[in-house]
N, C-alpha and C. Protein backbone atom coordinates (compact mmCIF):
# COMPACT_ATOMS: atom_id res chain seq x y z
N MET A 1 -33.38 17.90 58.42
CA MET A 1 -33.92 18.58 59.91
C MET A 1 -34.53 17.33 60.20
N VAL A 2 -34.63 17.24 61.58
CA VAL A 2 -36.22 16.37 62.13
C VAL A 2 -36.33 17.32 62.85
N TRP A 3 -37.40 17.64 63.57
CA TRP A 3 -38.32 18.38 63.88
C TRP A 3 -38.31 17.38 65.49
N ASP A 4 -38.35 17.92 66.55
CA ASP A 4 -38.70 17.69 67.47
C ASP A 4 -39.70 18.39 68.47
N MET A 5 -40.34 18.23 69.09
CA MET A 5 -41.03 18.82 69.98
C MET A 5 -40.69 19.74 70.93
N SER A 6 -39.09 18.62 71.36
CA SER A 6 -38.22 19.16 72.37
C SER A 6 -38.38 20.71 72.32
N ASP A 7 -37.80 20.73 70.46
CA ASP A 7 -37.44 21.81 70.47
C ASP A 7 -37.90 23.06 70.07
N THR A 8 -39.47 23.01 70.62
CA THR A 8 -40.48 24.47 70.52
C THR A 8 -39.95 25.49 71.56
N PRO A 9 -40.29 26.55 71.64
CA PRO A 9 -40.24 27.43 72.35
C PRO A 9 -41.37 26.64 73.68
N ALA A 10 -40.62 27.52 75.10
CA ALA A 10 -41.13 26.92 76.27
C ALA A 10 -42.62 27.11 76.74
N GLU A 11 -44.15 26.45 76.79
CA GLU A 11 -44.72 27.04 76.66
C GLU A 11 -45.09 28.95 78.12
N SER A 12 -44.10 28.75 78.45
CA SER A 12 -44.02 29.78 80.03
C SER A 12 -44.57 31.14 78.47
N ALA A 13 -43.70 31.59 77.05
CA ALA A 13 -43.93 32.48 76.11
C ALA A 13 -45.93 32.81 75.87
N GLU A 14 -45.70 34.39 76.89
CA GLU A 14 -47.33 34.72 76.42
C GLU A 14 -47.46 34.71 75.25
N ALA A 15 -48.74 34.48 74.51
CA ALA A 15 -49.53 34.70 73.09
C ALA A 15 -50.21 35.74 73.79
N PRO A 16 -50.39 36.74 72.15
CA PRO A 16 -50.56 37.61 71.68
C PRO A 16 -52.29 38.16 72.41
N ASP A 17 -52.14 39.40 73.10
CA ASP A 17 -53.22 39.23 73.70
C ASP A 17 -54.86 39.64 72.50
N PHE A 18 -55.36 39.17 72.02
CA PHE A 18 -55.79 40.08 70.40
C PHE A 18 -57.08 41.01 71.59
N ASP A 19 -57.42 40.98 72.66
CA ASP A 19 -58.54 41.36 73.25
C ASP A 19 -58.13 42.80 73.33
N ALA A 20 -56.51 43.05 73.71
CA ALA A 20 -56.16 44.55 74.14
C ALA A 20 -55.42 44.67 72.54
N MET A 21 -55.01 44.11 72.04
CA MET A 21 -55.64 44.92 70.59
C MET A 21 -56.39 45.87 69.71
N THR A 22 -57.13 45.06 70.18
CA THR A 22 -58.71 45.16 69.49
C THR A 22 -59.45 46.51 70.04
N ARG A 23 -59.02 46.48 71.38
CA ARG A 23 -59.52 47.93 72.16
C ARG A 23 -58.12 48.68 71.70
N ASP A 24 -56.90 49.22 70.72
CA ASP A 24 -56.35 49.62 70.69
C ASP A 24 -56.54 50.12 69.45
N ILE A 25 -56.87 49.19 68.52
CA ILE A 25 -57.57 49.82 67.21
C ILE A 25 -59.04 50.34 67.44
N ALA A 26 -59.49 50.29 67.70
CA ALA A 26 -60.39 50.92 68.40
C ALA A 26 -60.93 52.42 69.36
N GLU A 27 -59.89 52.38 69.14
CA GLU A 27 -59.46 54.42 69.75
C GLU A 27 -58.52 54.42 68.43
N VAL A 28 -58.39 53.91 67.56
CA VAL A 28 -57.27 54.98 66.19
C VAL A 28 -58.36 55.57 65.52
N PRO A 29 -59.11 56.60 65.09
CA PRO A 29 -59.75 57.59 64.13
C PRO A 29 -59.82 56.72 62.92
N ALA A 30 -60.76 56.66 62.41
CA ALA A 30 -60.76 56.40 60.61
C ALA A 30 -59.64 56.53 60.42
N VAL A 31 -59.51 58.39 60.19
CA VAL A 31 -58.69 58.66 58.85
C VAL A 31 -57.64 58.88 59.18
N GLU A 32 -56.89 58.70 60.98
CA GLU A 32 -55.71 58.01 61.08
C GLU A 32 -55.12 56.75 60.69
N VAL A 33 -56.17 55.86 60.21
CA VAL A 33 -56.27 54.37 59.76
C VAL A 33 -56.13 54.68 58.19
N ILE A 34 -56.82 55.74 57.46
CA ILE A 34 -56.59 55.64 56.05
C ILE A 34 -54.93 56.40 55.62
N VAL A 35 -54.82 57.19 56.64
CA VAL A 35 -54.28 57.88 55.83
C VAL A 35 -52.27 57.27 55.92
N THR A 36 -52.80 56.23 57.54
CA THR A 36 -51.73 55.55 57.27
C THR A 36 -51.66 54.02 56.18
N VAL A 37 -52.76 53.77 55.85
CA VAL A 37 -52.70 52.67 54.58
C VAL A 37 -51.92 53.53 53.13
N ALA A 38 -52.28 54.69 53.43
CA ALA A 38 -51.80 55.95 52.18
C ALA A 38 -50.10 55.56 52.56
N VAL A 39 -50.15 56.30 53.29
CA VAL A 39 -48.86 56.39 53.29
C VAL A 39 -47.36 55.34 53.35
N ASN A 40 -48.06 54.01 53.88
CA ASN A 40 -47.60 52.80 53.99
C ASN A 40 -47.78 52.55 52.70
N LEU A 41 -48.45 52.79 51.38
CA LEU A 41 -48.24 52.30 50.24
C LEU A 41 -47.80 53.16 49.41
N MET A 42 -47.64 54.71 49.36
CA MET A 42 -46.98 55.36 48.92
C MET A 42 -45.35 54.80 49.07
N SER A 43 -44.81 55.09 50.70
CA SER A 43 -42.99 54.10 51.17
C SER A 43 -42.89 52.65 50.02
N ALA A 44 -43.94 52.07 49.95
CA ALA A 44 -43.70 50.58 49.26
C ALA A 44 -43.49 51.10 47.96
N ALA A 45 -44.50 51.78 47.19
CA ALA A 45 -43.82 52.07 45.70
C ALA A 45 -42.68 53.02 45.84
N ALA A 46 -42.84 53.85 46.65
CA ALA A 46 -41.11 54.62 46.20
C ALA A 46 -39.89 53.32 46.33
N VAL A 47 -40.24 52.44 47.16
CA VAL A 47 -39.28 51.85 47.14
C VAL A 47 -39.06 51.15 45.77
N LYS A 48 -40.27 50.49 45.45
CA LYS A 48 -40.42 49.55 44.37
C LYS A 48 -40.10 50.44 42.82
N LEU A 49 -40.16 51.77 42.45
CA LEU A 49 -39.48 52.79 41.73
C LEU A 49 -37.87 52.44 41.83
N GLY A 50 -37.24 52.63 42.70
CA GLY A 50 -35.96 52.63 43.27
C GLY A 50 -35.95 54.28 43.19
N LEU A 51 -36.53 54.37 44.56
CA LEU A 51 -36.46 55.59 44.82
C LEU A 51 -36.04 55.76 46.16
N SER A 52 -35.30 54.38 47.26
CA SER A 52 -34.61 54.13 48.11
C SER A 52 -33.37 54.81 47.94
N GLU A 53 -32.66 54.49 48.91
CA GLU A 53 -30.75 54.98 48.89
C GLU A 53 -30.72 53.16 48.16
N GLU A 54 -31.23 52.04 47.94
CA GLU A 54 -30.20 51.25 47.60
C GLU A 54 -30.76 51.10 46.17
N GLY A 55 -31.61 52.03 45.93
CA GLY A 55 -32.92 51.53 44.27
C GLY A 55 -32.59 51.07 43.83
N GLU A 56 -31.30 50.95 42.78
CA GLU A 56 -31.99 49.38 41.64
C GLU A 56 -32.29 47.91 42.40
N LYS A 57 -31.70 47.33 43.40
CA LYS A 57 -31.65 46.70 44.33
C LYS A 57 -33.57 46.37 44.34
N TYR A 58 -33.93 47.03 44.61
CA TYR A 58 -35.65 46.87 44.67
C TYR A 58 -36.02 46.89 43.71
N LYS A 59 -36.08 47.75 42.72
CA LYS A 59 -36.65 48.63 41.99
C LYS A 59 -37.70 46.99 40.92
N ASP A 60 -39.24 47.50 40.24
CA ASP A 60 -40.24 46.18 40.38
C ASP A 60 -41.15 46.88 39.79
N LEU A 61 -41.57 47.42 38.43
CA LEU A 61 -42.07 48.31 38.32
C LEU A 61 -43.48 47.67 38.13
N ASP A 62 -43.85 46.15 38.25
CA ASP A 62 -44.52 45.51 37.75
C ASP A 62 -45.18 46.27 39.29
N GLU A 63 -44.58 45.59 41.04
CA GLU A 63 -45.18 46.07 41.51
C GLU A 63 -45.53 47.21 42.02
N ALA A 64 -44.43 48.28 41.26
CA ALA A 64 -45.05 49.36 41.72
C ALA A 64 -46.36 50.54 41.26
N ARG A 65 -46.42 49.40 40.22
CA ARG A 65 -47.36 49.90 39.53
C ARG A 65 -48.97 49.42 39.81
N LYS A 66 -49.15 48.10 40.71
CA LYS A 66 -49.88 47.21 41.69
C LYS A 66 -50.26 48.36 43.01
N LEU A 67 -49.24 49.17 43.39
CA LEU A 67 -49.07 49.81 44.69
C LEU A 67 -49.57 51.30 44.61
N ILE A 68 -49.29 51.75 43.35
CA ILE A 68 -49.88 53.47 42.81
C ILE A 68 -51.24 52.66 42.96
N THR A 69 -51.60 52.06 41.79
CA THR A 69 -53.09 52.33 41.81
C THR A 69 -53.85 51.98 42.93
N ALA A 70 -53.36 50.86 43.65
CA ALA A 70 -54.35 50.62 45.29
C ALA A 70 -54.23 52.07 45.99
N LEU A 71 -53.28 52.91 45.93
CA LEU A 71 -52.84 54.05 46.54
C LEU A 71 -53.87 55.09 46.11
N ALA A 72 -54.19 54.94 44.26
CA ALA A 72 -54.78 55.78 43.90
C ALA A 72 -56.44 55.55 44.61
N GLY A 73 -57.11 54.37 44.35
CA GLY A 73 -58.07 53.83 44.48
C GLY A 73 -58.75 54.41 46.09
N LEU A 74 -57.62 54.04 46.85
CA LEU A 74 -57.97 54.39 48.12
C LEU A 74 -57.99 55.47 48.08
N LEU A 75 -57.52 56.79 47.77
CA LEU A 75 -57.98 57.95 48.23
C LEU A 75 -59.06 58.34 47.17
N ASP A 76 -59.29 57.95 45.68
CA ASP A 76 -60.74 58.75 45.12
C ASP A 76 -61.24 57.52 46.03
N ALA A 77 -61.47 56.94 47.00
CA ALA A 77 -62.67 56.41 47.89
C ALA A 77 -63.12 57.30 48.74
N GLY A 78 -61.36 57.14 49.52
CA GLY A 78 -61.34 58.05 50.92
C GLY A 78 -61.38 59.31 51.01
N ALA A 79 -61.36 60.13 49.54
CA ALA A 79 -60.97 62.00 50.26
C ALA A 79 -61.62 62.26 50.88
N THR A 80 -62.96 62.29 50.32
CA THR A 80 -63.89 62.51 51.35
C THR A 80 -64.32 62.02 52.86
N GLU A 81 -64.00 61.26 52.98
CA GLU A 81 -63.48 61.00 54.28
C GLU A 81 -62.60 61.50 55.41
N ILE A 82 -62.01 62.08 53.94
CA ILE A 82 -60.40 61.91 55.43
C ILE A 82 -60.34 63.99 55.39
N SER A 83 -60.77 64.37 54.74
CA SER A 83 -60.98 65.49 54.39
C SER A 83 -60.11 66.51 53.31
N SER A 84 -59.58 67.11 53.15
CA SER A 84 -58.75 67.88 52.18
C SER A 84 -57.56 68.76 52.80
N PHE A 85 -57.37 68.61 54.29
CA PHE A 85 -56.45 69.16 55.07
C PHE A 85 -55.44 67.60 54.69
N HIS A 86 -56.10 66.59 55.31
CA HIS A 86 -55.35 65.07 54.71
C HIS A 86 -54.37 64.64 52.84
N ALA A 87 -55.87 64.69 52.47
CA ALA A 87 -55.63 63.89 51.21
C ALA A 87 -55.08 64.97 50.29
N ALA A 88 -54.99 66.05 50.49
CA ALA A 88 -54.07 67.36 49.21
C ALA A 88 -52.76 66.43 49.57
N PRO A 89 -52.28 66.44 50.20
CA PRO A 89 -50.69 66.13 50.42
C PRO A 89 -50.54 64.71 50.06
N LEU A 90 -51.76 64.20 50.24
CA LEU A 90 -51.26 62.47 49.68
C LEU A 90 -51.58 62.67 48.08
N ARG A 91 -52.58 62.92 47.62
CA ARG A 91 -52.87 63.88 46.36
C ARG A 91 -51.72 63.53 45.65
N ASP A 92 -51.06 64.73 46.26
CA ASP A 92 -49.46 65.09 45.54
C ASP A 92 -48.11 64.34 46.05
N GLY A 93 -47.79 63.45 46.80
CA GLY A 93 -47.53 62.29 46.20
C GLY A 93 -47.48 61.20 45.41
N LEU A 94 -49.38 61.13 45.44
CA LEU A 94 -49.28 60.28 44.48
C LEU A 94 -48.56 60.52 43.08
N LYS A 95 -49.31 61.73 42.59
CA LYS A 95 -48.50 62.45 41.28
C LYS A 95 -47.78 61.86 41.23
N SER A 96 -46.98 62.63 42.70
CA SER A 96 -45.07 62.14 41.80
C SER A 96 -44.45 61.19 42.33
N LEU A 97 -45.06 60.27 42.50
CA LEU A 97 -44.92 58.50 42.05
C LEU A 97 -45.59 57.98 40.89
N GLN A 98 -46.73 58.81 39.98
CA GLN A 98 -47.03 58.23 39.41
C GLN A 98 -46.12 58.98 37.72
N LEU A 99 -45.55 59.54 38.53
CA LEU A 99 -44.64 61.00 37.52
C LEU A 99 -42.66 60.13 37.55
N ALA A 100 -43.24 60.00 38.69
CA ALA A 100 -41.33 58.88 38.57
C ALA A 100 -41.33 57.28 38.13
N PHE A 101 -43.24 56.76 37.89
CA PHE A 101 -43.26 56.15 37.77
C PHE A 101 -43.08 55.75 35.89
N ARG A 102 -43.57 56.77 35.40
CA ARG A 102 -43.11 57.80 33.70
C ARG A 102 -41.97 57.87 33.39
N GLU A 103 -41.46 58.31 34.10
CA GLU A 103 -39.61 58.25 33.89
C GLU A 103 -39.37 56.81 33.95
N ALA A 104 -39.48 56.16 35.04
CA ALA A 104 -38.63 54.82 34.98
C ALA A 104 -39.27 53.59 34.38
N SER A 105 -39.89 54.16 33.55
CA SER A 105 -40.67 52.81 32.42
C SER A 105 -39.56 53.61 31.55
N ILE A 106 -39.72 52.22 30.92
CA ILE A 106 -38.98 52.02 29.31
C ILE A 106 -40.15 52.08 27.86
N VAL A 107 -41.21 51.86 28.55
CA VAL A 107 -42.34 51.94 27.84
C VAL A 107 -42.79 52.71 27.98
N PRO A 108 -43.07 54.06 27.57
CA PRO A 108 -44.30 55.05 29.01
C PRO A 108 -45.75 54.38 28.44
N ASP A 109 -47.27 54.38 29.53
CA ASP A 109 -48.38 53.72 28.75
C ASP A 109 -48.36 55.15 28.36
N GLU A 110 -49.81 54.84 27.59
CA GLU A 110 -50.36 56.16 26.97
C GLU A 110 -51.67 56.77 27.64
N PRO A 111 -51.34 58.52 28.29
CA PRO A 111 -51.73 59.40 28.66
C PRO A 111 -53.41 58.39 28.93
N GLY A 112 -53.31 58.20 30.78
CA GLY A 112 -54.35 57.94 31.43
C GLY A 112 -54.39 56.05 31.22
N GLN A 113 -54.06 55.83 30.78
CA GLN A 113 -53.60 54.51 31.38
C GLN A 113 -51.94 53.93 31.98
N GLY A 114 -51.59 55.22 32.91
CA GLY A 114 -50.23 54.16 33.68
C GLY A 114 -51.32 54.05 34.82
N PRO A 115 -50.60 54.07 36.10
CA PRO A 115 -50.54 53.35 37.60
C PRO A 115 -51.86 54.31 38.10
N GLY A 116 -52.76 54.08 38.33
CA GLY A 116 -53.82 55.08 38.72
C GLY A 116 -54.13 56.06 38.57
N GLU A 117 -53.89 56.05 36.93
CA GLU A 117 -55.09 56.71 36.14
C GLU A 117 -56.39 56.69 36.45
N LYS A 118 -57.06 55.42 36.61
CA LYS A 118 -57.81 55.22 36.15
C LYS A 118 -59.19 55.92 36.63
N TYR A 119 -58.31 56.99 38.16
CA TYR A 119 -59.24 56.25 39.62
C TYR A 119 -58.01 58.43 39.21
N THR A 120 -57.63 59.16 38.72
CA THR A 120 -57.24 60.52 38.70
C THR A 120 -56.99 61.08 37.30
N GLY A 121 -57.46 60.40 36.71
CA GLY A 121 -56.90 61.06 35.14
C GLY A 121 -55.74 60.97 34.43
N PRO A 122 -55.07 61.30 33.01
CA PRO A 122 -54.50 61.34 32.85
C PRO A 122 -53.14 62.46 33.88
N VAL A 123 -51.75 61.47 33.75
CA VAL A 123 -50.67 62.39 34.14
C VAL A 123 -49.62 62.57 33.35
N TYR A 124 -49.26 63.81 33.17
CA TYR A 124 -48.12 64.08 32.09
C TYR A 124 -47.12 65.21 32.83
N SER A 125 -45.89 64.55 32.34
CA SER A 125 -44.74 64.79 32.56
C SER A 125 -44.43 66.41 32.28
C-alpha cells in the first residue's frame, strides 16, 4: 500500500486540548488517582488469571504475576496515604488475586515467593 498525503484526515480535526486535560487531572484528589490505578491493576490481573467471562482466552499467569506484584507494591507504598477506608477492600482484593494465582499455578510458588508476597508476606490457601 502506498501512503499518500491526501489520505490523511482533514486539518479541521481538533487536536487534544492538553491544557484542559491538565486542569481536569489537577482537580482529582490523589486518593482517587491511587484507588483508580489499583482497581485497574486488579481488573487486569483478574483477566490475566482467567477470571473473566472468556476465561482461558486471556489467561497469562506471567502477566498476572507482574500485575499482582505492581498492585501489592502500590498498596504497600500508598496505604498510609489513602486511609484504611480505601486500603482495606483493596488489600482484600489483592489477597483474593494472590490466592487465585496460587490455585491457577501448576507449580505453586513457595510461601512468600508468590506475586506481591514480598510486600504482603506469605499468602496461604
